[in-house]
C-alpha cells in the first residue's frame, strides 16, 4: 500500500452507503444554511498550505491522508464458479456497478444468479439464505443495506465465501467498496465557489439517504469558507427527477435570484435542470453520481454544467478481481473493517463522455485513516 501526502487540515469523513433510503418524520424538508466569510489565517497555516499543495481530487487523485490499496486476483479463476448478485433497483446508479461485475464473471466462465430487488430491501435476507444453502462461491450486493445480516454473513465467512459490497454498509465479514461520498460534495462545492466567485444563493435538492447526506455534509464543509448561502430542499424519499423538479420550482419561486442548484443525486440534478429551464432562470445546475442522464444533460449545453463521476464501473470490475483472488486463497485487500473507496472525477463540457460511454479516467482505490 502507498500513502499519499498528508493534508494540512484534517477532514472529517462520514460513513457512507448507497441508495438505502432512510425514514424521516417529514415527507419534505427545507433548511437554510447561511455561510459566513472565511476563517482567519495565521502565518503558520499560510506557510503550511504553501508547503503542501492539496491533491486534486476532482481529477481522480486520492485525498491527502488516504492510503492506496493494491488489488489483485486472477479473474480466469471464475471458470466453473457460481455467484449471487443482489442489485438494489434497475437504475443506472446500481447497474453501473452490478452489470460490469456480471460481465466480468460470465466472460471468464462463471455463472451468475442476478437478483434485482426492485428497491425492496426486505428481500435481501431470503436471497442470502438461498445462496448460503446453494453454497455459491461468492456473494455481491449493490446498495442494499446489510444491517442485521450478521448471522448470514458469518455463514459465508465460515464457508470461506467472499461477500463484496458497494454502498451497502460495512459490517464485519464483508469487503466494502464505495465512493467517497463526502469528498464528492467537496468537489462540487469547490466548483461552485470558482464559478460563482464565492458568493450568492445556492439551492441543494436532496433526499434522506446516508450517501446523499454525506454528500451534503461535504458540500456544506467547503461552502463554509465562502459567502455562499445554501438552502436545502427536497422530499425524504424524493429520488426521482419529478420530485426534484417540484422542490426546485418552489425554491425558485421563493427566490428568483438563485445562482446555482445542486442535485444530491443524478436524477435530482436532471429534475432541477428542468425546473430551471421552465422558470427561465439563469442559475447553473450541478449534480453528483455520473449517470448517463447527467452526461446527456451536460452535452445538451443548457443549465446543467457539471457532475461528479464516482467510479461505479471501476468498482464492479474491482469486485470481480477481489473475490476471484479471495476464492484462490488470497487475503482480502486493505485493512479489515475499513471501506475501500474509489476516487472521483469532475465532469464538465470539457470532458463529458460521448453518448453510450462511461467516464474513463482510471480510478484509484484507497482507505482513510
Protein backbone atom coordinates (compact mmCIF):
# COMPACT_ATOMS: atom_id res chain seq x y z
CA UNK A 1 0.00 0.00 0.00
CA UNK A 2 1.18 3.53 -0.77
CA UNK A 3 0.47 6.55 1.40
CA UNK A 4 -0.40 9.86 -0.28
CA UNK A 5 0.74 13.27 1.12
CA UNK A 6 -0.92 14.25 4.41
CA UNK A 7 -3.38 17.09 4.29
CA UNK A 8 -2.66 20.17 6.44
CA UNK A 9 -6.18 20.43 7.78
CA UNK A 10 -7.77 17.06 8.55
CA UNK A 11 -11.19 16.41 7.05
CA UNK A 12 -13.94 14.61 8.88
CA UNK A 13 -15.21 11.65 6.87
CA UNK A 14 -18.73 10.30 7.48
CA UNK A 15 -19.67 6.68 6.91
CA UNK A 16 -21.39 6.24 3.58
CA UNK A 17 -23.89 3.92 1.92
CA UNK A 18 -25.64 3.94 -1.40
CA UNK A 19 -29.35 4.47 -2.03
CA UNK A 20 -30.65 2.62 1.02
CA UNK A 21 -33.35 5.15 1.85
CA UNK A 22 -33.80 6.17 5.47
CA UNK A 23 -37.04 7.06 7.18
CA UNK A 24 -37.99 10.60 8.14
CA UNK A 25 -40.61 12.29 10.27
CA UNK A 26 -41.50 14.53 7.34
CA UNK A 27 -42.10 13.97 3.63
CA UNK A 28 -40.26 17.13 2.71
CA UNK A 29 -37.70 19.45 4.18
CA UNK A 30 -36.35 22.92 3.66
CA UNK A 31 -33.32 24.09 5.54
CA UNK A 32 -31.42 27.34 5.09
CA UNK A 33 -27.77 27.50 5.98
CA UNK A 34 -26.07 30.89 5.89
CA UNK A 35 -22.33 30.56 5.49
CA UNK A 36 -20.10 33.30 6.86
CA UNK A 37 -16.84 34.66 5.45
CA UNK A 38 -13.55 32.79 5.55
CA UNK A 39 -11.87 31.92 8.83
CA UNK A 40 -8.75 33.89 9.85
CA UNK A 41 -5.44 32.63 8.50
CA UNK A 42 -2.33 32.72 10.66
CA UNK A 43 1.28 32.79 9.47
CA UNK A 44 1.65 29.14 10.48
CA UNK A 45 -1.35 27.95 8.47
CA UNK A 46 -0.37 30.04 5.45
CA UNK A 47 3.14 28.61 5.45
CA UNK A 48 1.84 25.07 5.81
CA UNK A 49 -0.55 25.49 2.89
CA UNK A 50 2.31 26.70 0.68
CA UNK A 51 4.46 23.74 1.72
CA UNK A 52 1.92 21.02 0.90
CA UNK A 53 -0.33 21.67 -2.11
CA UNK A 54 -3.54 19.67 -1.98
CA UNK A 55 -4.15 16.71 -4.27
CA UNK A 56 -6.72 17.46 -6.96
CA UNK A 57 -9.47 15.01 -6.08
CA UNK A 58 -11.59 16.34 -8.94
CA UNK A 59 -9.20 14.62 -11.35
CA UNK A 60 -9.15 11.18 -9.78
CA UNK A 61 -6.48 11.75 -7.15
CA UNK A 62 -6.52 10.29 -3.64
CA UNK A 63 -7.32 12.78 -0.85
CA UNK A 64 -4.46 13.68 1.50
CA UNK A 65 -4.12 11.08 4.22
CA UNK A 66 -5.62 8.31 2.08
CA UNK A 67 -3.67 5.06 1.73
CA UNK A 68 -3.77 3.44 -1.71
CA UNK A 69 -4.94 -0.18 -1.80
CA UNK A 70 -3.48 -2.53 -4.39
CA UNK A 71 -5.98 -5.03 -5.78
CA UNK A 72 -5.09 -8.48 -7.04
CA UNK A 73 -6.86 -11.60 -8.22
CA UNK A 74 -6.90 -13.67 -11.41
CA UNK A 75 -10.37 -13.38 -12.98
CA UNK A 76 -9.68 -16.51 -15.02
CA UNK A 77 -10.42 -18.37 -11.79
CA UNK A 78 -14.16 -17.75 -12.26
CA UNK A 79 -14.42 -20.70 -14.66
CA UNK A 80 -16.93 -23.18 -13.24
CA UNK A 81 -17.86 -20.98 -10.27
CA UNK A 82 -21.36 -19.74 -9.33
CA UNK A 83 -22.14 -16.42 -7.64
CA UNK A 84 -25.12 -14.43 -6.42
CA UNK A 85 -25.54 -10.72 -7.20
CA UNK A 86 -28.17 -8.71 -5.30
CA UNK A 87 -28.99 -5.47 -7.15
CA UNK A 88 -30.92 -2.67 -5.43
CA UNK A 89 -33.00 -1.50 -8.39
CA UNK A 90 -32.94 -1.33 -12.21
CA UNK A 91 -31.41 2.17 -12.22
CA UNK A 92 -28.04 3.42 -13.54
CA UNK A 93 -26.72 4.19 -10.07
CA UNK A 94 -26.89 0.47 -9.21
CA UNK A 95 -26.39 -1.19 -12.59
CA UNK A 96 -23.23 0.80 -13.34
CA UNK A 97 -21.63 -1.45 -10.66
CA UNK A 98 -23.52 -4.72 -10.97
CA UNK A 99 -23.51 -5.07 -14.77
CA UNK A 100 -19.71 -4.73 -15.28
CA UNK A 101 -19.31 -7.21 -12.42
CA UNK A 102 -21.71 -9.68 -14.04
CA UNK A 103 -19.99 -9.28 -17.40
CA UNK A 104 -16.56 -9.92 -15.87
CA UNK A 105 -17.64 -13.13 -14.16
CA UNK A 106 -19.58 -14.56 -17.10
CA UNK A 107 -16.84 -13.64 -19.60
CA UNK A 108 -14.44 -15.76 -17.54
CA UNK A 109 -16.64 -18.85 -17.37
CA UNK A 110 -18.63 -18.17 -14.20
CA UNK A 111 -22.38 -18.48 -13.68
CA UNK A 112 -24.36 -15.57 -12.16
CA UNK A 113 -27.66 -15.65 -10.28
CA UNK A 114 -28.60 -11.98 -10.75
CA UNK A 115 -31.45 -10.82 -8.50
CA UNK A 116 -32.88 -7.28 -8.63
CA UNK A 117 -34.98 -6.49 -5.53
CA UNK A 118 -36.72 -3.53 -7.17
CA UNK A 119 -35.89 -1.23 -4.28
CA UNK A 120 -37.33 -3.62 -1.67
CA UNK A 121 -34.51 -4.22 0.82
CA UNK A 122 -36.63 -6.72 2.77
CA UNK A 123 -35.97 -9.27 0.01
CA UNK A 124 -32.26 -9.44 0.81
CA UNK A 125 -32.31 -11.94 3.74
CA UNK A 126 -34.13 -14.59 1.69
CA UNK A 127 -31.67 -14.14 -1.18
CA UNK A 128 -28.68 -14.51 1.15
CA UNK A 129 -30.21 -17.56 2.85
CA UNK A 130 -30.85 -19.18 -0.53
CA UNK A 131 -27.29 -18.56 -1.68
CA UNK A 132 -25.93 -19.95 1.60
CA UNK A 133 -27.94 -23.15 1.10
CA UNK A 134 -26.85 -23.36 -2.55
CA UNK A 135 -23.23 -22.89 -1.47
CA UNK A 136 -22.40 -20.29 -4.11
CA UNK A 137 -18.76 -19.36 -4.45
CA UNK A 138 -19.21 -15.62 -3.84
CA UNK A 139 -21.90 -13.09 -2.97
CA UNK A 140 -22.16 -9.48 -4.17
CA UNK A 141 -24.53 -6.73 -3.05
CA UNK A 142 -25.01 -3.32 -4.65
CA UNK A 143 -26.73 -0.75 -2.47
CA UNK A 144 -28.90 -2.94 -0.20
CA UNK A 145 -28.23 -2.17 3.46
CA UNK A 146 -26.50 -5.14 5.14
CA UNK A 147 -27.53 -4.08 8.66
CA UNK A 148 -28.91 -7.02 10.62
CA UNK A 149 -27.44 -9.69 8.33
CA UNK A 150 -24.62 -10.67 10.70
CA UNK A 151 -25.63 -14.33 11.10
CA UNK A 152 -25.81 -14.87 7.35
CA UNK A 153 -22.50 -13.08 6.82
CA UNK A 154 -20.98 -15.40 9.42
CA UNK A 155 -22.28 -18.42 7.47
CA UNK A 156 -20.50 -17.19 4.36
CA UNK A 157 -17.31 -16.39 6.31
CA UNK A 158 -17.27 -19.89 7.84
CA UNK A 159 -17.65 -21.34 4.34
CA UNK A 160 -14.85 -19.07 3.06
CA UNK A 161 -17.32 -17.45 0.63
CA UNK A 162 -16.34 -13.84 -0.15
CA UNK A 163 -19.04 -11.20 0.34
CA UNK A 164 -18.25 -7.99 -1.56
CA UNK A 165 -20.49 -4.93 -1.47
CA UNK A 166 -20.82 -1.42 -2.87
CA UNK A 167 -22.55 1.21 -0.76
CA UNK A 168 -24.28 -1.34 1.45
CA UNK A 169 -22.72 -0.53 4.80
CA UNK A 170 -19.59 -2.06 6.29
CA UNK A 171 -20.45 -4.89 8.70
CA UNK A 172 -17.75 -7.24 9.91
CA UNK A 173 -17.00 -10.03 7.46
CA UNK A 174 -17.56 -8.20 4.16
CA UNK A 175 -15.27 -6.36 1.75
CA UNK A 176 -16.99 -2.98 1.47
CA UNK A 177 -16.34 -0.88 -1.62
CA UNK A 178 -17.80 2.59 -2.09
CA UNK A 179 -17.29 6.08 -3.43
CA UNK A 180 -16.08 8.78 -1.02
CA UNK A 181 -19.46 10.49 -0.96
CA UNK A 182 -18.36 13.34 1.30
CA UNK A 183 -15.44 14.13 -0.99
CA UNK A 184 -17.86 14.22 -3.94
CA UNK A 185 -19.70 17.00 -2.10
CA UNK A 186 -16.44 18.86 -1.55
CA UNK A 187 -15.56 18.63 -5.24
CA UNK A 188 -18.88 20.19 -6.25
CA UNK A 189 -18.51 22.82 -3.54
CA UNK A 190 -15.13 23.95 -4.86
CA UNK A 191 -16.50 24.07 -8.39
CA UNK A 192 -19.36 26.31 -7.28
CA UNK A 193 -17.09 28.69 -5.39
CA UNK A 194 -15.00 29.11 -8.52
CA UNK A 195 -17.98 29.54 -10.85
CA UNK A 196 -19.88 31.93 -8.58
CA UNK A 197 -16.95 33.93 -7.26
CA UNK A 198 -17.58 32.69 -3.74
CA UNK A 199 -20.93 34.38 -3.18
CA UNK A 200 -24.62 34.15 -3.99
CA UNK A 201 -27.63 31.98 -3.23
CA UNK A 202 -27.46 28.23 -3.93
CA UNK A 203 -30.17 25.57 -3.58
CA UNK A 204 -29.41 21.90 -2.83
CA UNK A 205 -32.22 19.46 -3.66
CA UNK A 206 -31.63 16.26 -1.72
CA UNK A 207 -33.30 13.20 -0.19
CA UNK A 208 -32.95 11.31 3.10
CA UNK A 209 -30.30 8.72 2.32
CA UNK A 210 -26.94 8.13 4.07
CA UNK A 211 -24.88 8.55 0.89
CA UNK A 212 -26.69 11.74 -0.11
CA UNK A 213 -26.44 13.15 3.41
CA UNK A 214 -22.67 12.56 3.29
CA UNK A 215 -22.52 14.46 0.01
CA UNK A 216 -24.47 17.28 1.63
CA UNK A 217 -22.03 17.36 4.55
CA UNK A 218 -19.03 17.67 2.22
CA UNK A 219 -20.73 20.44 0.25
CA UNK A 220 -21.54 22.41 3.40
CA UNK A 221 -18.00 22.00 4.69
CA UNK A 222 -16.47 23.60 1.60
CA UNK A 223 -19.08 26.35 1.24
CA UNK A 224 -18.47 27.36 4.86
CA UNK A 225 -15.28 29.06 3.64
CA UNK A 226 -17.25 31.34 1.29
CA UNK A 227 -20.08 33.86 1.31
CA UNK A 228 -22.46 31.48 -0.41
CA UNK A 229 -25.85 30.99 1.24
CA UNK A 230 -27.13 27.42 0.89
CA UNK A 231 -30.79 26.43 1.10
CA UNK A 232 -31.61 22.71 1.30
CA UNK A 233 -34.92 21.44 -0.11
CA UNK A 234 -36.37 18.11 -1.17
CA UNK A 235 -38.56 15.19 -0.13
CA UNK A 236 -37.41 12.48 2.24
CA UNK A 237 -37.89 9.72 -0.35
CA UNK A 238 -37.78 12.01 -3.37
CA UNK A 239 -35.14 10.35 -5.55
CA UNK A 240 -36.99 10.96 -8.82
CA UNK A 241 -36.46 13.77 -11.29
CA UNK A 242 -40.13 14.69 -10.93
CA UNK A 243 -39.84 15.12 -7.15
CA UNK A 244 -36.72 17.26 -7.55
CA UNK A 245 -38.38 19.40 -10.22
CA UNK A 246 -41.28 20.26 -7.90
CA UNK A 247 -38.99 21.14 -4.99
CA UNK A 248 -36.77 23.35 -7.14
CA UNK A 249 -39.72 25.07 -8.80
CA UNK A 250 -40.96 26.11 -5.36
CA UNK A 251 -37.48 27.27 -4.32
CA UNK A 252 -37.06 29.39 -7.46
CA UNK A 253 -40.46 31.00 -6.96
CA UNK A 254 -39.42 31.93 -3.43
CA UNK A 255 -36.04 33.26 -4.56
CA UNK A 256 -35.60 34.05 -8.28
CA UNK A 257 -32.05 35.28 -7.55
CA UNK A 258 -30.69 31.75 -7.01
CA UNK A 259 -27.37 31.40 -8.85
CA UNK A 260 -26.98 27.62 -8.76
CA UNK A 261 -28.91 24.45 -7.97
CA UNK A 262 -27.19 21.26 -6.79
CA UNK A 263 -28.74 17.80 -7.22
CA UNK A 264 -27.62 15.41 -4.50
CA UNK A 265 -28.11 12.52 -6.92
CA UNK A 266 -28.13 12.19 -10.71
CA UNK A 267 -31.89 12.20 -11.22
CA UNK A 268 -32.26 15.09 -8.78
CA UNK A 269 -29.92 17.19 -10.90
CA UNK A 270 -31.85 16.34 -14.05
CA UNK A 271 -35.12 17.35 -12.40
CA UNK A 272 -33.52 20.55 -11.16
CA UNK A 273 -32.41 21.43 -14.69
CA UNK A 274 -35.97 21.00 -15.94
CA UNK A 275 -37.23 23.37 -13.24
CA UNK A 276 -34.54 25.95 -14.02
CA UNK A 277 -35.42 25.88 -17.72
CA UNK A 278 -39.15 26.21 -17.01
CA UNK A 279 -38.54 29.22 -14.76
CA UNK A 280 -36.25 30.83 -17.35
CA UNK A 281 -33.71 31.14 -14.55
CA UNK A 282 -30.06 31.98 -15.19
CA UNK A 283 -28.98 29.51 -12.49
CA UNK A 284 -26.49 26.78 -13.31
CA UNK A 285 -27.18 23.17 -12.29
CA UNK A 286 -24.66 20.62 -10.99
CA UNK A 287 -25.06 17.12 -9.62
CA UNK A 288 -23.26 14.07 -8.26
CA UNK A 289 -23.15 10.42 -9.42
CA UNK A 290 -22.01 10.27 -13.05
CA UNK A 291 -25.04 8.59 -14.61
CA UNK A 292 -25.76 8.62 -18.38
CA UNK A 293 -28.68 11.03 -17.90
CA UNK A 294 -26.34 13.56 -16.32
CA UNK A 295 -23.86 13.30 -19.18
CA UNK A 296 -26.70 13.78 -21.67
CA UNK A 297 -27.81 16.92 -19.84
CA UNK A 298 -24.28 18.33 -19.97
CA UNK A 299 -23.97 17.58 -23.70
CA UNK A 300 -27.21 19.49 -24.35
CA UNK A 301 -25.42 22.68 -23.35
CA UNK A 302 -28.17 24.07 -21.13
CA UNK A 303 -28.16 24.92 -17.44
CA UNK A 304 -26.62 21.58 -16.42
CA UNK A 305 -22.87 22.23 -16.34
CA UNK A 306 -21.16 19.58 -14.18
CA UNK A 307 -21.39 16.35 -12.21
CA UNK A 308 -19.05 14.15 -10.21
CA UNK A 309 -18.47 10.65 -11.61
CA UNK A 310 -17.64 8.40 -8.70
CA UNK A 311 -16.40 5.28 -10.43
CA UNK A 312 -19.17 2.67 -10.09
CA UNK A 313 -17.98 0.82 -13.21
CA UNK A 314 -14.44 0.53 -11.87
CA UNK A 315 -15.84 -0.65 -8.54
CA UNK A 316 -17.70 -3.51 -10.25
CA UNK A 317 -14.57 -4.60 -12.08
CA UNK A 318 -12.58 -4.38 -8.84
CA UNK A 319 -15.15 -6.55 -7.04
CA UNK A 320 -14.73 -9.20 -9.74
CA UNK A 321 -10.97 -9.25 -9.20
CA UNK A 322 -11.09 -9.10 -5.38
CA UNK A 323 -13.48 -12.03 -4.98
CA UNK A 324 -11.57 -14.12 -7.52
CA UNK A 325 -8.41 -13.60 -5.50
CA UNK A 326 -10.09 -14.49 -2.22
CA UNK A 327 -11.54 -17.70 -3.68
CA UNK A 328 -8.00 -18.61 -4.73
CA UNK A 329 -6.79 -18.15 -1.15
CA UNK A 330 -5.60 -14.55 -1.18
CA UNK A 331 -6.31 -12.29 1.79
CA UNK A 332 -8.88 -9.53 1.42
CA UNK A 333 -7.20 -6.30 0.30
CA UNK A 334 -6.56 -3.35 2.60
CA UNK A 335 -7.19 -3.07 6.32
CA UNK A 336 -10.07 -5.18 7.59
CA UNK A 337 -13.05 -3.19 8.82
CA UNK A 338 -12.40 -0.13 6.65
CA UNK A 339 -14.23 0.64 3.41
CA UNK A 340 -12.20 0.66 0.22
CA UNK A 341 -13.03 3.87 -1.63
CA UNK A 342 -12.72 4.89 -5.26
CA UNK A 343 -11.51 8.25 -6.48
CA UNK A 344 -13.88 10.54 -8.39
CA UNK A 345 -13.70 12.85 -11.41
CA UNK A 346 -15.43 16.18 -12.05
CA UNK A 347 -17.18 16.03 -15.42
CA UNK A 348 -17.98 19.21 -17.38
CA UNK A 349 -18.50 20.05 -21.04
CA UNK A 350 -14.70 19.85 -21.42
CA UNK A 351 -14.51 16.11 -20.63
CA UNK A 352 -18.06 14.77 -20.85
CA UNK A 353 -18.11 11.25 -22.32
CA UNK A 354 -19.70 10.57 -25.69
CA UNK A 355 -23.16 9.02 -25.72
CA UNK A 356 -23.07 5.43 -24.53
CA UNK A 357 -19.70 5.79 -22.83
CA UNK A 358 -18.68 6.00 -19.18
CA UNK A 359 -16.15 8.46 -17.75
CA UNK A 360 -12.91 6.63 -18.46
CA UNK A 361 -10.31 8.06 -16.09
CA UNK A 362 -8.66 5.13 -14.32
CA UNK A 363 -9.71 5.10 -10.66
CA UNK A 364 -7.50 4.54 -7.66
CA UNK A 365 -8.65 2.60 -4.61
CA UNK A 366 -7.77 3.71 -1.10
CA UNK A 367 -8.69 3.69 2.57
CA UNK A 368 -8.89 6.56 5.02
CA UNK A 369 -7.15 6.56 8.43
